Amino acid sequence: MIQGRTPLPQVADRELSWIDWLPAWLRPFAVLARWDRPIGTWLLLWPCWWGVALAPGWPRPGLVLLLALGAIVMRGAGCVLNDLLDRELDAKVERTRNRPLASGQVSVRAALLFMAAQALVGLMVLLTLDPAAIWLGLAVLPLIVTYPLMKRVTWWPQLWLGFNFNWGVLVGYAAMTGELALAALILYLAGIFWTLGYDTIYAHQDKVDDALIGIRSSARRLGEATPQALWLFYAVTVLLLALAGWQAELGWAFYAALLPVVGHFVWQITTLDQDDPASCLRRFRANRELGLLVACALLLGKVSA
């Protein structure tokens, strides 16, 4: 506990405690936007940077920073939307019952205003990009709005998350080039299978509570077959990464740099204890480094082309 400050109710997968130093009125909003759990921002941002790295030419620092800001605010806005729709369900799940909306720390009206403010910043960022990237950024909105509902209607909400979280590949590529290319579409597909893997691991944390309240997930659907499915998801990811590099005419170093990516995936699968939430959370978070490995591979591919 920080001397002189009342800490917020803890969520199970919190990463950072610096928000305890924020003004008391702001702390619940920081938790609502997941500022204390930046892993989600990284997983949204890496595909944006992948798209930039894949495109012809070298990444522009200004664009890299704009995409980072966009990822922060849009991830925050998406989390608010998710928690608004799930506030009654979250109250029934041990890991999420202390979230600000579920616990009553933030009102629905205040959450809506906070979501709108973040979305406005995201729109301002988007409008600085190439027109093709702007249209692509707007086109993803239906996927964002419908994602929180998917756990109610399909066993594969993790797949829907993949559609959302990897859209940045297309936006980043279009922001660099003003158009799309087959290589970018293939890289987008690779990201979808990557997300399907890591978010299935993440979903195993909640499978007991999800079963009690009727929430669907790939973790519940796959059950004990999860390791075999992960081998498939991650194998397809690697194959599509290689195909995207080939289509973009990247050099030999790209394929050599995929070996650490393969090794990371093997580590995730072979060391995972899917019945241990701590094991699931650690391997889920480790995908932040996986995203970095892929980005480095793409840049090395340019150097060696």
Protein backbone atom coordinates (compact mmCIF):
# COMPACT_ATOMS: atom_id res chain seq x y z
CA MET A 1 0.00 0.00 0.00
CA ILE A 2 1.26 3.52 -0.81
CA GLN A 3 1.49 5.67 2.32
CA GLY A 4 -1.33 8.20 2.47
CA ARG A 5 -3.22 6.75 -0.50
CA THR A 6 -6.08 4.31 -0.65
CA PRO A 7 -5.31 1.73 -3.30
CA LEU A 8 -7.92 0.64 -5.80
CA PRO A 9 -9.51 -2.80 -5.50
CA GLN A 10 -7.09 -5.13 -7.25
CA VAL A 11 -7.74 -6.99 -10.46
CA ALA A 12 -6.04 -10.35 -10.83
CA ASP A 13 -3.86 -9.54 -13.83
CA ARG A 14 -2.70 -6.03 -12.99
CA GLU A 15 0.80 -5.18 -14.25
CA LEU A 16 1.58 -1.62 -13.17
CA SER A 17 0.85 0.18 -9.91
CA TRP A 18 1.86 3.72 -10.94
CA ILE A 19 -1.80 4.68 -11.30
CA ASP A 20 -2.03 4.69 -7.49
CA TRP A 21 -0.17 8.02 -7.68
CA LEU A 22 -2.86 9.60 -9.87
CA PRO A 23 -5.55 11.86 -8.38
CA ALA A 24 -8.27 9.82 -6.69
CA TRP A 25 -10.92 10.81 -9.23
CA LEU A 26 -8.76 9.69 -12.16
CA ARG A 27 -7.66 6.29 -10.85
CA PRO A 28 -10.86 4.37 -11.67
CA PHE A 29 -10.77 5.72 -15.23
CA ALA A 30 -7.15 4.61 -15.57
CA VAL A 31 -8.19 1.10 -14.57
CA LEU A 32 -11.19 1.27 -16.90
CA ALA A 33 -8.86 2.07 -19.83
CA ARG A 34 -6.44 -0.64 -18.64
CA TRP A 35 -3.53 1.79 -18.22
CA ASP A 36 -2.36 -0.53 -15.46
CA ARG A 37 -2.27 -3.42 -17.97
CA PRO A 38 -0.40 -2.23 -21.06
CA ILE A 39 -0.08 -5.69 -22.59
CA GLY A 40 -3.32 -5.16 -24.52
CA THR A 41 -1.97 -1.94 -26.01
CA TRP A 42 1.19 -3.73 -27.12
CA LEU A 43 -0.82 -6.52 -28.74
CA LEU A 44 -2.85 -3.92 -30.62
CA LEU A 45 0.18 -1.81 -31.53
CA TRP A 46 2.56 -4.47 -32.82
CA PRO A 47 0.42 -5.30 -35.89
CA CYS A 48 0.30 -1.57 -36.73
CA TRP A 49 4.08 -1.45 -36.63
CA TRP A 50 4.30 -4.73 -38.56
CA GLY A 51 2.35 -3.12 -41.39
CA VAL A 52 4.71 -0.14 -41.38
CA ALA A 53 7.76 -2.43 -41.31
CA LEU A 54 6.44 -4.58 -44.16
CA ALA A 55 5.74 -1.64 -46.47
CA PRO A 56 8.39 -0.41 -48.91
CA GLY A 57 10.66 2.24 -47.46
CA TRP A 58 11.81 2.83 -43.90
CA PRO A 59 9.39 3.60 -41.07
CA ARG A 60 8.76 7.29 -40.50
CA PRO A 61 9.25 8.19 -36.81
CA GLY A 62 6.23 10.52 -36.80
CA LEU A 63 3.97 7.78 -38.14
CA VAL A 64 5.32 5.27 -35.63
CA LEU A 65 4.48 7.64 -32.76
CA LEU A 66 1.03 8.48 -34.12
CA LEU A 67 0.14 4.80 -34.38
CA ALA A 68 1.30 4.32 -30.79
CA LEU A 69 -0.97 7.11 -29.57
CA GLY A 70 -3.83 5.72 -31.61
CA ALA A 71 -3.33 2.26 -30.14
CA ILE A 72 -3.38 3.61 -26.58
CA VAL A 73 -6.60 5.57 -26.92
CA MET A 74 -8.47 3.09 -29.10
CA ARG A 75 -7.57 0.20 -26.84
CA GLY A 76 -8.83 2.30 -23.93
CA ALA A 77 -12.07 3.17 -25.73
CA GLY A 78 -12.59 -0.47 -26.66
CA CYS A 79 -12.09 -1.56 -23.06
CA VAL A 80 -14.69 0.94 -21.87
CA LEU A 81 -17.17 -0.35 -24.45
CA ASN A 82 -16.45 -3.93 -23.45
CA ASP A 83 -16.94 -3.16 -19.75
CA LEU A 84 -20.15 -1.23 -20.40
CA LEU A 85 -21.69 -4.21 -22.15
CA ASP A 86 -20.23 -6.76 -19.72
CA ARG A 87 -20.63 -4.96 -16.40
CA GLU A 88 -23.22 -7.41 -15.07
CA LEU A 89 -21.23 -10.44 -16.22
CA ASP A 90 -17.96 -9.01 -14.89
CA ALA A 91 -19.49 -8.75 -11.43
CA LYS A 92 -19.90 -12.54 -11.41
CA VAL A 93 -16.31 -13.39 -12.39
CA GLU A 94 -13.57 -13.41 -9.76
CA ARG A 95 -10.92 -11.88 -12.04
CA THR A 96 -13.14 -9.00 -13.19
CA ARG A 97 -15.52 -8.25 -10.33
CA ASN A 98 -13.42 -5.27 -9.17
CA ARG A 99 -13.47 -3.51 -12.52
CA PRO A 100 -14.74 0.08 -12.12
CA LEU A 101 -18.10 -0.38 -13.84
CA ALA A 102 -18.81 -3.80 -12.35
CA SER A 103 -18.02 -2.54 -8.85
CA GLY A 104 -19.80 0.80 -9.23
CA GLN A 105 -16.71 3.03 -8.98
CA VAL A 106 -17.58 4.67 -12.32
CA SER A 107 -21.07 5.54 -13.54
CA VAL A 108 -22.35 4.56 -16.97
CA ARG A 109 -22.62 8.23 -17.98
CA ALA A 110 -19.05 8.99 -16.95
CA ALA A 111 -17.79 5.90 -18.77
CA LEU A 112 -19.58 6.93 -21.96
CA LEU A 113 -18.02 10.39 -21.83
CA PHE A 114 -14.58 8.89 -21.20
CA MET A 115 -15.01 6.49 -24.13
CA ALA A 116 -16.09 9.34 -26.41
CA ALA A 117 -13.07 11.44 -25.42
CA GLN A 118 -10.65 8.64 -26.23
CA ALA A 119 -12.43 7.88 -29.51
CA LEU A 120 -12.17 11.56 -30.46
CA VAL A 121 -8.40 11.51 -29.92
CA GLY A 122 -8.24 8.33 -32.00
CA LEU A 123 -10.18 10.04 -34.79
CA MET A 124 -7.82 13.01 -34.72
CA VAL A 125 -4.87 10.65 -35.09
CA LEU A 126 -6.58 8.80 -37.93
CA LEU A 127 -7.30 12.00 -39.85
CA THR A 128 -3.57 12.77 -40.04
CA LEU A 129 -2.94 9.62 -42.10
CA ASP A 130 -3.19 8.86 -45.82
CA PRO A 131 -6.82 8.77 -47.10
CA ALA A 132 -6.61 5.02 -47.72
CA ALA A 133 -5.59 4.48 -44.09
CA ILE A 134 -8.43 6.74 -42.92
CA TRP A 135 -11.03 4.68 -44.76
CA LEU A 136 -9.55 1.47 -43.43
CA GLY A 137 -9.59 2.89 -39.90
CA LEU A 138 -13.28 3.68 -40.23
CA ALA A 139 -14.06 0.31 -41.79
CA VAL A 140 -13.02 -1.57 -38.65
CA LEU A 141 -15.64 0.15 -36.46
CA PRO A 142 -18.33 -2.54 -36.96
CA LEU A 143 -15.84 -5.19 -35.81
CA ILE A 144 -14.97 -3.13 -32.72
CA VAL A 145 -18.60 -2.55 -31.75
CA THR A 146 -19.66 -6.18 -32.17
CA TYR A 147 -16.66 -7.84 -30.53
CA PRO A 148 -17.93 -7.60 -26.92
CA LEU A 149 -21.09 -9.46 -27.95
CA MET A 150 -19.34 -12.40 -29.57
CA LYS A 151 -18.80 -14.34 -26.33
CA ARG A 152 -22.59 -14.62 -26.11
CA VAL A 153 -23.17 -16.05 -29.58
CA THR A 154 -20.07 -18.02 -30.63
CA TRP A 155 -17.45 -20.32 -29.16
CA TRP A 156 -14.82 -18.31 -31.06
CA PRO A 157 -14.79 -14.72 -29.75
CA GLN A 158 -10.99 -15.02 -29.83
CA LEU A 159 -11.20 -15.18 -33.62
CA TRP A 160 -13.25 -11.98 -33.65
CA LEU A 161 -10.61 -10.36 -31.46
CA GLY A 162 -8.05 -11.38 -34.08
CA PHE A 163 -10.02 -9.57 -36.78
CA ASN A 164 -9.97 -6.44 -34.59
CA PHE A 165 -6.51 -6.43 -33.07
CA ASN A 166 -4.65 -7.09 -36.31
CA TRP A 167 -6.48 -4.56 -38.47
CA GLY A 168 -3.59 -2.24 -37.72
CA VAL A 169 -1.47 -4.21 -40.21
CA LEU A 170 -3.68 -2.87 -42.99
CA VAL A 171 -3.83 0.66 -41.57
CA GLY A 172 -0.06 0.82 -41.02
CA TYR A 173 0.71 -0.47 -44.50
CA ALA A 174 -1.76 1.90 -46.15
CA ALA A 175 -0.43 4.83 -44.12
CA MET A 176 3.01 4.14 -45.62
CA THR A 177 1.98 3.42 -49.19
CA GLY A 178 -1.50 4.83 -49.79
CA GLU A 179 -2.73 1.41 -50.85
CA LEU A 180 -2.98 -2.25 -49.85
CA ALA A 181 -1.01 -5.18 -51.21
CA LEU A 182 -1.31 -8.95 -51.04
CA ALA A 183 1.63 -9.14 -48.62
CA ALA A 184 -0.24 -6.94 -46.13
CA LEU A 185 -3.37 -9.08 -46.37
CA ILE A 186 -1.32 -12.22 -45.73
CA LEU A 187 0.37 -10.59 -42.74
CA TYR A 188 -3.08 -9.65 -41.42
CA LEU A 189 -4.14 -13.30 -41.62
CA ALA A 190 -0.96 -14.32 -39.79
CA GLY A 191 -1.86 -11.93 -37.01
CA ILE A 192 -5.36 -13.38 -36.73
CA PHE A 193 -4.00 -16.88 -36.09
CA TRP A 194 -1.46 -15.44 -33.63
CA THR A 195 -4.27 -13.79 -31.68
CA LEU A 196 -6.36 -16.94 -31.81
CA GLY A 197 -3.49 -18.70 -30.06
CA TYR A 198 -2.56 -16.21 -27.36
CA ASP A 199 -6.14 -15.26 -26.51
CA THR A 200 -7.13 -18.90 -26.18
CA ILE A 201 -4.35 -19.19 -23.60
CA TYR A 202 -5.69 -16.07 -21.88
CA ALA A 203 -9.26 -17.38 -21.85
CA HIS A 204 -8.23 -20.45 -19.86
CA GLN A 205 -7.96 -18.16 -16.82
CA ASP A 206 -11.72 -17.66 -16.75
CA LYS A 207 -13.03 -21.00 -17.99
CA VAL A 208 -14.51 -22.09 -14.65
CA ASP A 209 -16.43 -18.85 -14.11
CA ASP A 210 -17.34 -18.67 -17.80
CA ALA A 211 -18.93 -22.11 -17.61
CA LEU A 212 -20.99 -21.08 -14.58
CA ILE A 213 -22.44 -17.96 -16.23
CA GLY A 214 -22.68 -19.30 -19.79
CA ILE A 215 -19.89 -17.33 -21.48
CA ARG A 216 -18.37 -19.02 -24.52
CA SER A 217 -14.70 -19.08 -25.48
CA SER A 218 -12.24 -21.07 -27.55
CA ALA A 219 -10.69 -22.26 -24.28
CA ARG A 220 -13.96 -23.90 -23.23
CA ARG A 221 -14.60 -25.23 -26.72
CA LEU A 222 -11.17 -26.80 -27.10
CA GLY A 223 -10.70 -27.97 -23.51
CA GLU A 224 -7.98 -30.59 -23.22
CA ALA A 225 -7.32 -30.34 -26.95
CA THR A 226 -5.94 -26.81 -26.50
CA PRO A 227 -2.24 -27.76 -26.93
CA GLN A 228 -2.93 -29.48 -30.24
CA ALA A 229 -4.93 -26.47 -31.42
CA LEU A 230 -2.13 -24.12 -30.39
CA TRP A 231 0.35 -26.10 -32.48
CA LEU A 232 -1.99 -25.59 -35.45
CA PHE A 233 -2.66 -21.89 -34.80
CA TYR A 234 0.99 -21.00 -34.34
CA ALA A 235 2.19 -23.18 -37.23
CA VAL A 236 -0.20 -21.40 -39.57
CA THR A 237 1.00 -18.07 -38.15
CA VAL A 238 4.62 -18.87 -39.01
CA LEU A 239 3.75 -20.14 -42.48
CA LEU A 240 1.74 -17.01 -43.24
CA LEU A 241 4.52 -14.79 -41.90
CA ALA A 242 6.97 -16.50 -44.25
CA LEU A 243 4.54 -16.17 -47.15
CA ALA A 244 4.03 -12.46 -46.45
CA GLY A 245 7.81 -11.95 -46.41
CA TRP A 246 8.17 -13.81 -49.70
CA GLN A 247 5.39 -11.77 -51.30
CA ALA A 248 7.06 -8.55 -50.10
CA GLU A 249 10.43 -9.77 -51.46
CA LEU A 250 12.18 -9.54 -48.10
CA GLY A 251 15.75 -10.81 -47.84
CA TRP A 252 17.15 -14.00 -46.34
CA ALA A 253 17.61 -12.49 -42.88
CA PHE A 254 13.83 -12.33 -42.46
CA TYR A 255 13.52 -16.11 -42.64
CA ALA A 256 16.49 -16.63 -40.33
CA ALA A 257 14.92 -14.22 -37.85
CA LEU A 258 11.72 -16.27 -37.85
CA LEU A 259 13.56 -19.05 -35.99
CA PRO A 260 13.35 -17.21 -32.62
CA VAL A 261 9.65 -16.68 -33.34
CA VAL A 262 9.23 -20.43 -33.79
CA GLY A 263 11.20 -21.06 -30.61
CA HIS A 264 8.98 -18.66 -28.66
CA PHE A 265 5.84 -20.39 -29.87
CA VAL A 266 7.27 -23.79 -28.92
CA TRP A 267 8.07 -22.49 -25.44
CA GLN A 268 4.55 -21.16 -24.99
CA ILE A 269 2.94 -24.47 -25.88
CA THR A 270 5.30 -26.93 -24.22
CA THR A 271 5.47 -25.10 -20.89
CA LEU A 272 1.82 -24.08 -20.62
CA ASP A 273 -0.26 -25.39 -17.72
CA GLN A 274 -3.73 -24.50 -18.94
CA ASP A 275 -5.27 -25.17 -15.53
CA ASP A 276 -2.95 -22.67 -13.79
CA PRO A 277 -4.08 -19.05 -14.31
CA ALA A 278 -0.60 -17.72 -13.49
CA SER A 279 0.95 -19.94 -16.18
CA CYS A 280 -1.65 -18.79 -18.72
CA LEU A 281 -1.14 -15.13 -17.86
CA ARG A 282 2.65 -15.32 -18.12
CA ARG A 283 2.54 -16.90 -21.57
CA PHE A 284 -0.13 -14.51 -22.74
CA ARG A 285 1.95 -11.52 -21.66
CA ALA A 286 5.05 -12.99 -23.30
CA ASN A 287 3.45 -12.30 -26.67
CA ARG A 288 4.58 -8.70 -26.23
CA GLU A 289 8.10 -9.98 -26.91
CA LEU A 290 6.79 -12.16 -29.73
CA GLY A 291 5.47 -9.05 -31.46
CA LEU A 292 8.90 -7.45 -31.14
CA LEU A 293 10.58 -10.51 -32.64
CA VAL A 294 8.34 -10.36 -35.70
CA ALA A 295 8.93 -6.62 -36.13
CA CYS A 296 12.70 -7.17 -35.97
CA ALA A 297 12.44 -9.97 -38.52
CA LEU A 298 10.59 -7.69 -40.93
CA LEU A 299 13.18 -4.94 -40.62
CA LEU A 300 16.07 -7.40 -41.01
CA GLY A 301 14.37 -8.67 -44.13
CA LYS A 302 14.60 -5.18 -45.60
CA VAL A 303 18.25 -4.81 -44.70
CA SER A 304 19.14 -8.09 -46.42
CA ALA A 305 16.89 -7.66 -49.46
